[in-house]
């Protein structure tokens, strides 16, 4: 990846457990214990979609294009 991203960590119930914003290329972020899924969004995507730790998201409602 050659650009910055936001990384959203989800538990088995699709509840957000951690959000790391503005991760530079070739860096990594440690997943919290209990992470079962990770979303990678374009830089600013977490804020654009108003994602917050503790919220549950419905992945089945996100259009895949």
C-alpha atoms as a PDB file:
ATOM      1  CA  UNK A   1       0.000   0.000   0.000  1.00  0.00           C
ATOM      2  CA  UNK A   2       1.347   3.402  -0.900  1.00  0.00           C
ATOM      3  CA  UNK A   3      -1.052   5.675   0.956  1.00  0.00           C
ATOM      4  CA  UNK A   4      -2.357   6.247   4.490  1.00  0.00           C
ATOM      5  CA  UNK A   5      -5.361   4.283   5.748  1.00  0.00           C
ATOM      6  CA  UNK A   6      -7.682   3.972   8.721  1.00  0.00           C
ATOM      7  CA  UNK A   7      -7.850   0.540  10.369  1.00  0.00           C
ATOM      8  CA  UNK A   8     -10.956  -0.623  12.260  1.00  0.00           C
ATOM      9  CA  UNK A   9     -10.782  -3.713  14.484  1.00  0.00           C
ATOM     10  CA  UNK A  10     -13.931  -5.755  15.113  1.00  0.00           C
ATOM     11  CA  UNK A  11     -14.754  -8.539  17.551  1.00  0.00           C
ATOM     12  CA  UNK A  12     -16.793 -11.639  16.699  1.00  0.00           C
ATOM     13  CA  UNK A  13     -20.040  -9.645  17.027  1.00  0.00           C
ATOM     14  CA  UNK A  14     -18.857  -6.905  14.612  1.00  0.00           C
ATOM     15  CA  UNK A  15     -18.427  -4.483  17.505  1.00  0.00           C
ATOM     16  CA  UNK A  16     -15.650  -1.926  17.006  1.00  0.00           C
ATOM     17  CA  UNK A  17     -12.914  -2.474  19.581  1.00  0.00           C
ATOM     18  CA  UNK A  18     -10.246  -0.100  18.244  1.00  0.00           C
ATOM     19  CA  UNK A  19      -9.758   2.445  15.473  1.00  0.00           C
ATOM     20  CA  UNK A  20      -6.321   3.506  14.270  1.00  0.00           C
ATOM     21  CA  UNK A  21      -6.416   6.492  11.976  1.00  0.00           C
ATOM     22  CA  UNK A  22      -3.940   7.781   9.434  1.00  0.00           C
ATOM     23  CA  UNK A  23      -1.610   4.756   9.408  1.00  0.00           C
ATOM     24  CA  UNK A  24       1.321   5.466   7.044  1.00  0.00           C
ATOM     25  CA  UNK A  25       2.455   3.059   4.320  1.00  0.00           C
ATOM     26  CA  UNK A  26       4.463   0.044   5.482  1.00  0.00           C
ATOM     27  CA  UNK A  27       3.440   0.493   9.138  1.00  0.00           C
ATOM     28  CA  UNK A  28       1.292  -1.870  11.139  1.00  0.00           C
ATOM     29  CA  UNK A  29      -1.120  -1.675  14.028  1.00  0.00           C
ATOM     30  CA  UNK A  30      -1.485  -4.204  16.831  1.00  0.00           C
ATOM     31  CA  UNK A  31      -4.902  -5.808  17.032  1.00  0.00           C
ATOM     32  CA  UNK A  32      -6.504  -5.898  20.455  1.00  0.00           C
ATOM     33  CA  UNK A  33      -7.260  -9.265  22.036  1.00  0.00           C
ATOM     34  CA  UNK A  34     -10.494 -10.717  20.693  1.00  0.00           C
ATOM     35  CA  UNK A  35     -10.195  -9.209  17.217  1.00  0.00           C
ATOM     36  CA  UNK A  36     -11.860 -11.372  14.590  1.00  0.00           C
ATOM     37  CA  UNK A  37     -12.058  -8.939  11.646  1.00  0.00           C
ATOM     38  CA  UNK A  38     -10.232  -5.886  10.380  1.00  0.00           C
ATOM     39  CA  UNK A  39     -11.515  -3.194   8.031  1.00  0.00           C
ATOM     40  CA  UNK A  40      -9.084  -1.079   6.061  1.00  0.00           C
ATOM     41  CA  UNK A  41     -10.543   2.228   4.940  1.00  0.00           C
ATOM     42  CA  UNK A  42      -9.140   5.115   2.966  1.00  0.00           C
ATOM     43  CA  UNK A  43      -7.607   7.814   5.164  1.00  0.00           C
ATOM     44  CA  UNK A  44     -10.458   9.681   6.855  1.00  0.00           C
ATOM     45  CA  UNK A  45     -12.936   6.872   6.199  1.00  0.00           C
ATOM     46  CA  UNK A  46     -13.557   6.171   9.880  1.00  0.00           C
ATOM     47  CA  UNK A  47     -14.470   9.808  10.475  1.00  0.00           C
ATOM     48  CA  UNK A  48     -16.472  10.061   7.250  1.00  0.00           C
ATOM     49  CA  UNK A  49     -18.632   7.115   8.330  1.00  0.00           C
ATOM     50  CA  UNK A  50     -18.709   8.376  11.945  1.00  0.00           C
ATOM     51  CA  UNK A  51     -17.365   5.089  13.326  1.00  0.00           C
ATOM     52  CA  UNK A  52     -16.818   4.920  17.089  1.00  0.00           C
ATOM     53  CA  UNK A  53     -15.382   2.329  19.462  1.00  0.00           C
ATOM     54  CA  UNK A  54     -18.199   0.319  21.046  1.00  0.00           C
ATOM     55  CA  UNK A  55     -20.542   0.588  18.079  1.00  0.00           C
ATOM     56  CA  UNK A  56     -21.679  -2.489  16.184  1.00  0.00           C
ATOM     57  CA  UNK A  57     -21.673  -2.290  12.411  1.00  0.00           C
ATOM     58  CA  UNK A  58     -23.680  -4.374   9.963  1.00  0.00           C
ATOM     59  CA  UNK A  59     -21.178  -5.539   7.343  1.00  0.00           C
ATOM     60  CA  UNK A  60     -23.922  -7.230   5.339  1.00  0.00           C
ATOM     61  CA  UNK A  61     -25.381  -3.792   4.560  1.00  0.00           C
ATOM     62  CA  UNK A  62     -22.172  -2.427   3.034  1.00  0.00           C
ATOM     63  CA  UNK A  63     -22.303  -2.593  -0.778  1.00  0.00           C
ATOM     64  CA  UNK A  64     -19.380  -4.503  -2.296  1.00  0.00           C
ATOM     65  CA  UNK A  65     -18.233  -2.847  -5.518  1.00  0.00           C
END
